[in-house]
Amino acid sequence: MKNNFSQPQRQSLIGVVVMFADTLQSAIRALWFILIVWILKIDELNKIYFIIGAVAVLIGVSLIAYLKYRNFTFFLDEENEEFVVHKGIWNKSRIAIPFDKIQQVNINQSIIQKIIGVHALEVDTAGSSGKEVAIRAISHDAALALKERLLEAGYKKKAVTKEFADGLETEDNHNHSFIQISLLSLFKTGITSNYTRSFALLLAFVITSFQYIEDFVKVAGYDEDPLDQYINTEVLLRFISFIIVGIMVLTLIINLVRTIVKYYNFKITRQQDSLLLSYGLINTKNTIIRPEKVQIVTIGRNYFQKRLDINDIKIRQASGVEANDKDQKKTAIEIPGCNNAEKDLLMRFLLEKIPERGIALKPSIRKIIMEAIGLLIIPLGIFFSLAYYAFPSIMEYAIFVPVYVLFVAIMIYFAFSHSRLFVTDDFIVKQSGAWDIDNDFIAPHKIQTISLTQYFWHKSSDIGIVTLHTAGGTISFGLADYTRLKQLVNYWLYQVEASPRNWM
């Protein structure tokens, strides 16, 4: 057998380079303060001691890297149905992962691994928030063989449906081309997505920089800012306009570069009853999507993306570990730049059909009131209170208050007008967003628990909040008709109990 994993084996020998790079990076992070002092005072240091210290660090890093490689072994224990890993530097540890606990096996490749021709194989298990085991240096053929063996063993151990099990045994192992995201689609995605957050971060950076400049001027001993004599209202407005335009252009460039580098050569290949995603220019990543593990599918787009016929898709699979919804969204699998035809193809594969909208449930007008209180009244109240009682100097930023009020008011209005919960027998669809409109799709049989909340101040208006909990995160829809929500919750609970299908 070409790849026999029944006996303990080490990683690729060239993987020592990867271990060295990882260990050196960890050492730099731990000793960054000392390194900065060395760099700043390099002229004052004894050159001999400096060289001896640097050589000692490199020798120590090399020794640790070799021990990491030497003490790391892995094999498949067929008798106990476990994937066993031994690792450690001074203290050895043994990790045994039952086949049925394996949730995901990914093959990735960093730039260093690309240079030396090895891959990283990561095993994600139920009950762990991170990667349980990571093999940092393994050949491509061995990684594919081990990945296939682990997933095949996991399926057999989990006693999947007969049709699927038969498919594993009878279907050939040839890959079938499914979808490939073109460079043009990535370009469209890069100039039309994620700019709101990037713009806010860059704007905050510019404002903070100006604050530092102002503090520097005061510390330097100037009674007045030397630039004040050259600045008038017209110059200030032009300067602010230039800064905003510059930030917008920089935001577009950053998003475009980030999107192309991260998702370059994005290929989706169908392997048996799953999808293999491969992408990345510098760091190549491979991950698997299995329809039975998919919990929530999110389709997002804004006005420009609609005009350009592209969609951003996020897929949340069963993680096997409790985590908050924010963390679940961060770990969602992203597929950028799909056109409508590709989106429909994915939806049919992942959800078995294209979901319909069905009946619509709208939020109460009180949703606008609550968001106005939280995003307008309270922040402005805090701002003017601080300006009046504690920091009068911040009143110079009051010129931005009308802009803030107008922007937030528009966002609140559009977020309310887009907020809907659509319900059919087969799917629940939550629509949300002000500019970027997201549609979250979930099948009722994927629901694990349902929370229906009504605070005492909601009772008079008969409104409440429903939260659907799945193994891939939650969906909440709030301040809607409480009586109607109770009816829907009872119906969904009936569907969960009556459905012969499992959540994964």
Protein backbone atom coordinates (compact mmCIF):
# COMPACT_ATOMS: atom_id res chain seq x y z
CA MET A 1 0.00 0.00 0.00
CA LYS A 2 1.44 3.33 -1.01
CA ASN A 3 0.26 5.22 2.08
CA ASN A 4 0.07 2.89 5.06
CA PHE A 5 -1.13 4.84 8.07
CA SER A 6 -1.47 1.85 10.37
CA GLN A 7 2.10 2.32 11.62
CA PRO A 8 3.39 5.44 13.41
CA GLN A 9 5.10 7.78 10.96
CA ARG A 10 6.66 11.21 11.06
CA GLN A 11 6.06 14.24 8.95
CA SER A 12 8.12 15.00 5.85
CA LEU A 13 11.77 15.56 6.73
CA ILE A 14 11.80 18.89 4.93
CA GLY A 15 9.10 19.86 7.41
CA VAL A 16 11.85 20.75 9.87
CA VAL A 17 12.00 24.05 7.98
CA VAL A 18 8.31 24.66 8.76
CA MET A 19 8.91 23.78 12.42
CA PHE A 20 11.86 26.18 12.48
CA ALA A 21 9.79 29.01 10.95
CA ASP A 22 6.91 28.43 13.40
CA THR A 23 9.25 28.28 16.40
CA LEU A 24 11.19 31.36 15.28
CA GLN A 25 7.93 33.27 14.85
CA SER A 26 6.84 32.27 18.37
CA ALA A 27 10.24 33.30 19.76
CA ILE A 28 10.03 36.70 18.06
CA ARG A 29 6.57 37.26 19.50
CA ALA A 30 7.80 36.32 22.99
CA LEU A 31 11.00 38.38 22.79
CA TRP A 32 9.78 41.33 20.71
CA PHE A 33 10.54 43.87 23.42
CA ILE A 34 14.15 42.70 23.78
CA LEU A 35 14.58 42.70 20.00
CA ILE A 36 13.35 46.30 19.76
CA VAL A 37 15.84 47.34 22.47
CA TRP A 38 18.63 45.56 20.59
CA ILE A 39 17.73 47.28 17.33
CA LEU A 40 17.51 50.75 18.92
CA LYS A 41 20.78 50.33 20.82
CA ILE A 42 22.69 48.22 18.33
CA ASP A 43 25.47 50.83 18.11
CA GLU A 44 25.98 50.71 21.87
CA LEU A 45 25.99 46.92 22.16
CA ASN A 46 29.08 44.79 22.21
CA LYS A 47 29.07 43.23 18.75
CA ILE A 48 30.54 39.95 20.00
CA TYR A 49 27.89 39.55 22.70
CA PHE A 50 25.20 40.50 20.20
CA ILE A 51 26.34 37.85 17.72
CA ILE A 52 26.68 35.23 20.46
CA GLY A 53 23.15 36.00 21.68
CA ALA A 54 21.68 35.83 18.19
CA VAL A 55 23.47 32.53 17.46
CA ALA A 56 22.29 31.11 20.78
CA VAL A 57 18.68 32.00 19.95
CA LEU A 58 18.96 30.41 16.51
CA ILE A 59 20.51 27.25 17.97
CA GLY A 60 17.75 27.04 20.57
CA VAL A 61 15.07 27.54 17.94
CA SER A 62 16.67 24.91 15.72
CA LEU A 63 16.83 22.41 18.58
CA ILE A 64 13.18 22.95 19.51
CA ALA A 65 12.14 22.66 15.86
CA TYR A 66 14.00 19.36 15.50
CA LEU A 67 12.45 17.97 18.70
CA LYS A 68 9.00 19.00 17.46
CA TYR A 69 9.64 17.09 14.26
CA ARG A 70 11.28 14.12 15.98
CA ASN A 71 8.61 13.62 18.64
CA PHE A 72 5.61 14.11 16.35
CA THR A 73 4.13 10.89 14.98
CA PHE A 74 0.67 9.90 13.80
CA PHE A 75 -1.15 6.74 12.75
CA LEU A 76 -4.59 5.16 12.41
CA ASP A 77 -5.55 2.72 15.15
CA GLU A 78 -8.01 0.55 13.22
CA GLU A 79 -8.71 -1.73 16.17
CA ASN A 80 -9.85 1.08 18.48
CA GLU A 81 -11.10 3.21 15.57
CA GLU A 82 -8.97 6.22 16.50
CA PHE A 83 -6.57 8.66 14.90
CA VAL A 84 -3.59 8.77 17.25
CA VAL A 85 -1.02 11.56 17.47
CA HIS A 86 2.07 11.70 19.69
CA LYS A 87 3.73 15.08 20.13
CA GLY A 88 5.70 17.20 22.55
CA ILE A 89 9.13 18.70 23.11
CA TRP A 90 10.12 17.79 26.66
CA ASN A 91 6.78 16.49 27.91
CA LYS A 92 5.23 14.00 25.54
CA SER A 93 1.48 13.78 25.00
CA ARG A 94 -0.79 11.32 23.23
CA ILE A 95 -3.98 12.47 21.49
CA ALA A 96 -6.49 9.86 20.37
CA ILE A 97 -9.39 11.10 18.26
CA PRO A 98 -12.30 8.68 17.69
CA PHE A 99 -13.27 8.51 14.04
CA ASP A 100 -16.86 9.47 14.79
CA LYS A 101 -15.71 12.73 16.43
CA ILE A 102 -13.98 14.00 13.30
CA GLN A 103 -15.99 16.88 11.88
CA GLN A 104 -13.67 18.29 9.26
CA VAL A 105 -10.30 17.61 7.64
CA ASN A 106 -8.71 20.54 5.81
CA ILE A 107 -5.55 20.75 3.74
CA ASN A 108 -3.88 24.17 3.73
CA GLN A 109 -0.60 25.56 2.45
CA SER A 110 1.23 28.68 3.60
CA ILE A 111 3.82 30.50 1.53
CA ILE A 112 6.68 28.70 3.32
CA GLN A 113 4.99 25.35 2.77
CA LYS A 114 4.56 26.22 -0.91
CA ILE A 115 8.26 26.97 -1.27
CA ILE A 116 9.39 23.66 0.25
CA GLY A 117 6.56 21.62 -1.30
CA VAL A 118 4.57 20.37 1.71
CA HIS A 119 1.05 20.86 3.03
CA ALA A 120 -0.64 21.21 6.40
CA LEU A 121 -3.47 18.87 7.39
CA GLU A 122 -5.85 20.06 10.13
CA VAL A 123 -8.40 17.88 11.90
CA ASP A 124 -11.43 19.55 13.44
CA THR A 125 -13.39 17.52 15.97
CA ALA A 126 -16.68 17.71 17.83
CA GLY A 127 -16.31 19.30 21.26
CA SER A 128 -13.32 21.47 20.35
CA SER A 129 -13.39 25.17 19.49
CA GLY A 130 -10.17 24.96 17.50
CA LYS A 131 -8.16 22.52 15.46
CA GLU A 132 -7.59 19.39 17.52
CA VAL A 133 -4.58 18.24 15.51
CA ALA A 134 -2.48 19.98 12.87
CA ILE A 135 0.12 18.09 10.85
CA ARG A 136 2.35 20.90 9.67
CA ALA A 137 4.38 19.15 6.97
CA ILE A 138 3.02 16.32 4.85
CA SER A 139 3.24 15.59 1.14
CA HIS A 140 0.25 16.38 -1.05
CA ASP A 141 -0.44 12.74 -1.95
CA ALA A 142 -0.15 11.59 1.65
CA ALA A 143 -2.38 14.46 2.83
CA LEU A 144 -5.10 13.53 0.33
CA ALA A 145 -4.89 9.84 1.21
CA LEU A 146 -5.03 10.51 4.96
CA LYS A 147 -7.88 12.98 4.57
CA GLU A 148 -9.89 10.50 2.52
CA ARG A 149 -9.19 7.73 5.01
CA LEU A 150 -10.20 9.82 8.03
CA LEU A 151 -13.44 11.02 6.46
CA GLU A 152 -14.30 7.57 5.14
CA ALA A 153 -13.72 6.06 8.58
CA GLY A 154 -15.80 8.81 10.16
CA TYR A 155 -18.72 8.17 7.85
CA LYS A 156 -18.71 4.45 8.46
CA LYS A 157 -18.52 4.96 12.20
CA LYS A 158 -21.41 7.47 12.18
CA ALA A 159 -23.67 4.97 10.38
CA VAL A 160 -24.91 7.37 7.75
CA THR A 161 -27.89 6.60 5.54
CA LYS A 162 -27.61 3.51 3.40
CA GLU A 163 -27.85 5.47 0.19
CA PHE A 164 -24.96 7.68 1.19
CA ALA A 165 -22.85 4.79 2.48
CA ASP A 166 -23.42 2.94 -0.76
CA GLY A 167 -22.37 6.05 -2.62
CA LEU A 168 -19.08 6.07 -0.75
CA GLU A 169 -18.34 2.54 -1.81
CA THR A 170 -19.57 2.59 -5.39
CA GLU A 171 -18.92 6.12 -6.64
CA ASP A 172 -15.56 6.72 -8.22
CA ASN A 173 -13.05 9.08 -6.70
CA HIS A 174 -12.75 11.35 -9.71
CA ASN A 175 -13.32 15.03 -9.05
CA HIS A 176 -16.13 16.76 -10.89
CA SER A 177 -15.75 20.44 -11.73
CA PHE A 178 -18.56 22.38 -10.09
CA ILE A 179 -17.92 26.14 -9.93
CA GLN A 180 -14.90 28.36 -10.48
CA ILE A 181 -14.98 32.00 -9.42
CA SER A 182 -13.36 34.12 -12.13
CA LEU A 183 -10.89 36.91 -11.52
CA LEU A 184 -13.47 39.35 -12.88
CA SER A 185 -15.98 38.21 -10.24
CA LEU A 186 -13.36 38.68 -7.52
CA PHE A 187 -12.67 42.17 -8.88
CA LYS A 188 -16.38 42.99 -8.70
CA THR A 189 -16.55 41.63 -5.15
CA GLY A 190 -13.46 43.52 -4.05
CA ILE A 191 -14.84 46.92 -5.08
CA THR A 192 -18.37 46.35 -3.75
CA SER A 193 -18.04 44.59 -0.38
CA ASN A 194 -16.67 45.10 3.13
CA TYR A 195 -15.92 48.77 2.52
CA THR A 196 -18.13 50.06 5.32
CA ARG A 197 -15.98 48.49 8.03
CA SER A 198 -12.72 49.36 6.27
CA PHE A 199 -13.85 52.96 5.74
CA ALA A 200 -14.75 53.30 9.42
CA LEU A 201 -11.35 51.93 10.51
CA LEU A 202 -9.42 54.20 8.17
CA LEU A 203 -11.47 57.23 9.21
CA ALA A 204 -10.82 56.44 12.87
CA PHE A 205 -7.11 56.13 12.07
CA VAL A 206 -7.05 59.55 10.37
CA ILE A 207 -8.92 61.22 13.24
CA THR A 208 -6.58 59.64 15.78
CA SER A 209 -3.55 60.78 13.76
CA PHE A 210 -4.83 64.37 13.75
CA GLN A 211 -5.30 64.14 17.51
CA TYR A 212 -1.68 63.02 17.91
CA ILE A 213 -0.51 65.90 15.70
CA GLU A 214 -2.46 68.36 17.82
CA ASP A 215 -0.98 66.93 21.02
CA PHE A 216 2.50 67.14 19.50
CA VAL A 217 1.99 70.82 18.65
CA LYS A 218 0.99 71.55 22.25
CA VAL A 219 3.91 69.59 23.69
CA ALA A 220 6.32 71.39 21.32
CA GLY A 221 5.48 74.65 23.09
CA TYR A 222 3.52 76.48 20.40
CA ASP A 223 0.92 78.83 21.85
CA GLU A 224 -1.06 78.47 18.65
CA ASP A 225 -1.06 75.92 15.92
CA PRO A 226 1.38 77.28 13.26
CA LEU A 227 -1.01 76.16 10.55
CA ASP A 228 -3.95 78.19 11.89
CA GLN A 229 -2.93 81.30 9.95
CA TYR A 230 -3.19 79.37 6.67
CA ILE A 231 -6.49 77.64 7.40
CA ASN A 232 -9.91 79.10 6.77
CA THR A 233 -13.32 77.54 6.28
CA GLU A 234 -12.86 76.97 2.55
CA VAL A 235 -9.45 75.36 2.97
CA LEU A 236 -10.76 73.19 5.82
CA LEU A 237 -13.72 71.94 3.78
CA ARG A 238 -11.47 71.15 0.82
CA PHE A 239 -9.04 69.34 3.08
CA ILE A 240 -11.81 67.28 4.73
CA SER A 241 -13.23 66.43 1.30
CA PHE A 242 -9.78 65.36 0.11
CA ILE A 243 -9.28 63.17 3.18
CA ILE A 244 -12.68 61.49 2.78
CA VAL A 245 -12.11 60.85 -0.94
CA GLY A 246 -8.62 59.55 -0.19
CA ILE A 247 -9.96 57.19 2.46
CA MET A 248 -12.64 55.91 0.08
CA VAL A 249 -10.07 55.23 -2.66
CA LEU A 250 -7.71 53.56 -0.19
CA THR A 251 -10.60 51.47 1.15
CA LEU A 252 -11.45 50.21 -2.34
CA ILE A 253 -7.81 49.35 -3.05
CA ILE A 254 -7.39 47.52 0.26
CA ASN A 255 -10.59 45.51 -0.21
CA LEU A 256 -9.71 44.68 -3.81
CA VAL A 257 -6.22 43.47 -2.95
CA ARG A 258 -7.45 41.54 0.09
CA THR A 259 -10.20 39.81 -1.90
CA ILE A 260 -7.95 38.78 -4.78
CA VAL A 261 -5.12 37.57 -2.53
CA LYS A 262 -7.42 35.63 -0.22
CA TYR A 263 -9.76 34.08 -2.81
CA TYR A 264 -7.55 33.84 -5.89
CA ASN A 265 -8.25 30.82 -8.11
CA PHE A 266 -11.36 29.90 -6.12
CA LYS A 267 -12.46 26.45 -7.27
CA ILE A 268 -15.37 24.35 -6.08
CA THR A 269 -15.06 20.68 -6.97
CA ARG A 270 -17.69 18.07 -6.33
CA GLN A 271 -16.30 14.97 -4.65
CA GLN A 272 -18.90 12.27 -4.16
CA ASP A 273 -21.58 13.88 -1.97
CA SER A 274 -19.53 16.86 -0.82
CA LEU A 275 -17.88 19.99 -2.17
CA LEU A 276 -14.16 20.70 -2.00
CA LEU A 277 -13.23 24.39 -1.88
CA SER A 278 -9.71 25.42 -2.88
CA TYR A 279 -8.46 29.02 -2.98
CA GLY A 280 -5.69 31.43 -2.05
CA LEU A 281 -2.80 33.23 -3.75
CA ILE A 282 -0.25 33.26 -0.92
CA ASN A 283 -1.82 30.83 1.54
CA THR A 284 -3.73 28.05 -0.21
CA LYS A 285 -6.69 26.64 1.69
CA ASN A 286 -8.80 23.58 1.11
CA THR A 287 -12.01 22.86 2.96
CA ILE A 288 -14.97 20.53 2.59
CA ILE A 289 -18.67 21.33 2.66
CA ARG A 290 -21.10 18.51 3.36
CA PRO A 291 -24.81 19.22 2.82
CA GLU A 292 -25.85 17.23 5.88
CA LYS A 293 -23.59 19.38 8.07
CA VAL A 294 -24.77 22.71 6.66
CA GLN A 295 -26.91 24.55 9.22
CA ILE A 296 -27.33 28.10 7.92
CA VAL A 297 -26.75 29.49 4.43
CA THR A 298 -26.50 33.28 4.07
CA ILE A 299 -26.83 35.07 0.74
CA GLY A 300 -25.72 38.70 0.89
CA ARG A 301 -25.61 41.49 -1.65
CA ASN A 302 -25.96 45.27 -1.91
CA TYR A 303 -27.25 47.53 -4.67
CA PHE A 304 -24.01 47.52 -6.67
CA GLN A 305 -23.62 43.75 -6.35
CA LYS A 306 -27.18 43.31 -7.56
CA ARG A 307 -26.43 45.39 -10.63
CA LEU A 308 -23.24 43.41 -11.26
CA ASP A 309 -24.97 40.04 -10.73
CA ILE A 310 -22.78 38.80 -7.88
CA ASN A 311 -23.61 37.35 -4.46
CA ASP A 312 -21.57 36.74 -1.34
CA ILE A 313 -22.39 33.36 0.20
CA LYS A 314 -21.58 32.31 3.75
CA ILE A 315 -22.10 28.76 4.97
CA ARG A 316 -22.19 27.79 8.62
CA GLN A 317 -21.69 24.11 9.29
CA ALA A 318 -22.18 22.13 12.49
CA SER A 319 -19.21 22.90 14.68
CA GLY A 320 -19.81 20.32 17.39
CA VAL A 321 -18.96 22.87 20.08
CA GLU A 322 -20.93 25.57 21.82
CA ALA A 323 -19.87 29.06 20.75
CA ASN A 324 -21.51 32.43 20.56
CA ASP A 325 -23.09 33.53 17.33
CA LYS A 326 -20.34 36.07 16.64
CA ASP A 327 -17.67 33.36 16.68
CA GLN A 328 -19.83 31.11 14.50
CA LYS A 329 -20.12 33.88 11.90
CA LYS A 330 -16.36 34.43 11.92
CA THR A 331 -15.73 30.76 11.15
CA ALA A 332 -18.33 30.62 8.38
CA ILE A 333 -17.13 29.40 4.99
CA GLU A 334 -17.27 32.25 2.47
CA ILE A 335 -17.85 31.90 -1.27
CA PRO A 336 -17.44 35.32 -2.94
CA GLY A 337 -18.65 36.61 -6.28
CA CYS A 338 -21.17 33.94 -7.29
CA ASN A 339 -23.57 34.98 -10.03
CA ASN A 340 -27.24 34.07 -9.76
CA ALA A 341 -26.86 30.85 -11.76
CA GLU A 342 -23.94 29.68 -9.56
CA LYS A 343 -25.84 30.69 -6.44
CA ASP A 344 -28.87 28.62 -7.48
CA LEU A 345 -26.62 25.66 -8.26
CA LEU A 346 -25.10 25.82 -4.79
CA MET A 347 -28.47 26.25 -3.11
CA ARG A 348 -29.86 23.17 -4.85
CA PHE A 349 -26.84 21.13 -3.79
CA LEU A 350 -26.71 22.33 -0.18
CA LEU A 351 -30.45 22.69 0.55
CA GLU A 352 -31.84 20.26 -2.06
CA LYS A 353 -34.01 23.01 -3.54
CA ILE A 354 -34.16 26.76 -3.99
CA PRO A 355 -36.09 28.16 -0.99
CA GLU A 356 -39.24 30.15 -1.62
CA ARG A 357 -40.23 33.19 0.38
CA GLY A 358 -43.61 32.12 1.73
CA ILE A 359 -45.58 34.19 4.20
CA ALA A 360 -43.86 37.30 5.58
CA LEU A 361 -43.68 38.53 9.15
CA LYS A 362 -42.79 42.21 9.68
CA PRO A 363 -41.33 43.84 12.78
CA SER A 364 -43.28 46.33 14.84
CA ILE A 365 -42.77 50.06 14.42
CA ARG A 366 -41.30 49.95 17.93
CA LYS A 367 -38.18 48.44 16.39
CA ILE A 368 -37.41 51.84 14.85
CA ILE A 369 -38.06 53.56 18.18
CA MET A 370 -35.74 51.20 20.11
CA GLU A 371 -32.95 51.52 17.55
CA ALA A 372 -33.31 55.31 17.49
CA ILE A 373 -32.93 55.35 21.27
CA GLY A 374 -29.90 53.07 21.18
CA LEU A 375 -28.11 54.62 18.19
CA LEU A 376 -29.15 58.28 18.37
CA ILE A 377 -30.57 59.51 21.66
CA ILE A 378 -28.19 57.71 24.03
CA PRO A 379 -24.93 58.35 22.09
CA LEU A 380 -25.79 62.02 21.49
CA GLY A 381 -26.82 62.41 25.12
CA ILE A 382 -23.47 61.01 26.27
CA PHE A 383 -21.57 63.21 23.80
CA PHE A 384 -23.22 66.48 24.86
CA SER A 385 -23.05 65.55 28.56
CA LEU A 386 -19.30 64.97 28.31
CA ALA A 387 -18.89 68.17 26.30
CA TYR A 388 -20.83 70.21 28.84
CA TYR A 389 -19.56 68.74 32.12
CA ALA A 390 -16.16 67.14 31.50
CA PHE A 391 -14.49 67.81 28.15
CA PRO A 392 -15.60 71.10 26.58
CA SER A 393 -12.93 70.73 23.88
CA ILE A 394 -14.82 67.92 22.16
CA MET A 395 -17.52 70.41 21.16
CA GLU A 396 -15.34 71.21 18.15
CA TYR A 397 -16.50 67.86 16.74
CA ALA A 398 -20.17 68.90 17.03
CA ILE A 399 -20.03 69.87 13.37
CA PHE A 400 -20.21 66.14 12.57
CA VAL A 401 -23.36 65.58 14.65
CA PRO A 402 -25.86 66.45 11.85
CA VAL A 403 -23.99 64.13 9.48
CA TYR A 404 -24.08 61.34 12.05
CA VAL A 405 -27.78 61.85 12.73
CA LEU A 406 -28.68 61.84 9.03
CA PHE A 407 -26.57 58.76 8.29
CA VAL A 408 -27.86 56.73 11.26
CA ALA A 409 -31.48 57.74 10.60
CA ILE A 410 -31.22 56.55 7.00
CA MET A 411 -29.62 53.26 8.08
CA ILE A 412 -32.31 52.65 10.71
CA TYR A 413 -35.09 53.30 8.21
CA PHE A 414 -33.69 50.99 5.54
CA ALA A 415 -32.84 48.29 8.08
CA PHE A 416 -36.45 48.37 9.27
CA SER A 417 -37.89 48.32 5.76
CA HIS A 418 -35.75 45.29 4.81
CA SER A 419 -36.32 43.33 8.03
CA ARG A 420 -38.59 40.35 7.31
CA LEU A 421 -39.08 36.74 8.38
CA PHE A 422 -40.34 34.48 5.61
CA VAL A 423 -41.80 31.08 6.48
CA THR A 424 -42.67 28.05 4.35
CA ASP A 425 -43.06 24.38 5.17
CA ASP A 426 -39.48 23.67 4.11
CA PHE A 427 -37.51 26.77 5.05
CA ILE A 428 -37.24 29.77 7.34
CA VAL A 429 -35.69 32.86 5.75
CA LYS A 430 -34.59 35.88 7.75
CA GLN A 431 -33.90 39.04 5.73
CA SER A 432 -31.94 41.85 7.34
CA GLY A 433 -29.57 44.72 6.61
CA ALA A 434 -29.65 48.37 5.61
CA TRP A 435 -27.19 48.51 2.71
CA ASP A 436 -25.83 44.97 2.56
CA ILE A 437 -28.98 42.84 2.62
CA ASP A 438 -28.50 39.32 4.00
CA ASN A 439 -30.90 36.41 3.68
CA ASP A 440 -30.33 33.59 6.19
CA PHE A 441 -31.79 30.24 5.15
CA ILE A 442 -32.45 27.43 7.61
CA ALA A 443 -34.44 24.20 7.32
CA PRO A 444 -36.75 23.55 10.32
CA HIS A 445 -35.29 20.10 11.01
CA LYS A 446 -31.89 21.76 11.67
CA ILE A 447 -33.33 23.60 14.69
CA GLN A 448 -32.09 22.33 18.06
CA THR A 449 -33.82 24.72 20.45
CA ILE A 450 -36.09 27.77 20.17
CA SER A 451 -36.17 30.78 22.50
CA LEU A 452 -39.21 33.04 22.59
CA THR A 453 -38.68 36.19 24.65
CA GLN A 454 -41.07 38.92 25.73
CA TYR A 455 -39.95 41.58 28.19
CA PHE A 456 -42.53 43.14 30.49
CA TRP A 457 -42.50 46.40 28.54
CA HIS A 458 -43.36 44.44 25.38
CA LYS A 459 -46.53 42.87 26.76
CA SER A 460 -48.78 45.86 26.22
CA SER A 461 -47.76 45.97 22.56
CA ASP A 462 -47.87 42.17 22.16
CA ILE A 463 -44.40 41.98 20.62
CA GLY A 464 -41.49 39.63 21.25
CA ILE A 465 -38.24 38.13 19.99
CA VAL A 466 -37.71 34.62 18.61
CA THR A 467 -34.29 32.97 18.44
CA LEU A 468 -33.62 29.76 16.53
CA HIS A 469 -30.60 27.83 17.80
CA THR A 470 -28.70 25.46 15.51
CA ALA A 471 -25.37 23.66 15.67
CA GLY A 472 -24.00 26.35 13.36
CA GLY A 473 -25.23 29.44 15.20
CA THR A 474 -28.46 31.32 15.84
CA ILE A 475 -31.02 33.37 13.96
CA SER A 476 -32.98 36.04 15.84
CA PHE A 477 -35.95 38.05 14.67
CA GLY A 478 -37.28 40.62 17.03
CA LEU A 479 -40.04 42.98 18.01
CA ALA A 480 -42.68 41.23 15.91
CA ASP A 481 -46.23 40.09 16.67
CA TYR A 482 -45.83 37.87 19.75
CA THR A 483 -49.05 35.93 19.19
CA ARG A 484 -48.00 35.09 15.64
CA LEU A 485 -44.51 34.15 16.83
CA LYS A 486 -45.98 31.68 19.34
CA GLN A 487 -47.98 30.03 16.56
CA LEU A 488 -44.87 29.71 14.41
CA VAL A 489 -42.80 28.34 17.29
CA ASN A 490 -45.37 25.63 17.97
CA TYR A 491 -45.40 24.75 14.27
CA TRP A 492 -41.58 24.58 14.09
CA LEU A 493 -41.41 22.40 17.20
CA TYR A 494 -43.94 20.07 15.63
CA GLN A 495 -41.82 19.92 12.46
CA VAL A 496 -38.69 19.11 14.48
CA GLU A 497 -40.44 16.29 16.32
CA ALA A 498 -42.23 14.88 13.27
CA SER A 499 -39.36 15.10 10.78
CA PRO A 500 -37.51 11.82 10.18
CA ARG A 501 -34.41 13.80 9.16
CA ASN A 502 -31.58 14.59 11.57
CA TRP A 503 -29.84 17.94 11.96
CA MET A 504 -26.62 16.41 10.55
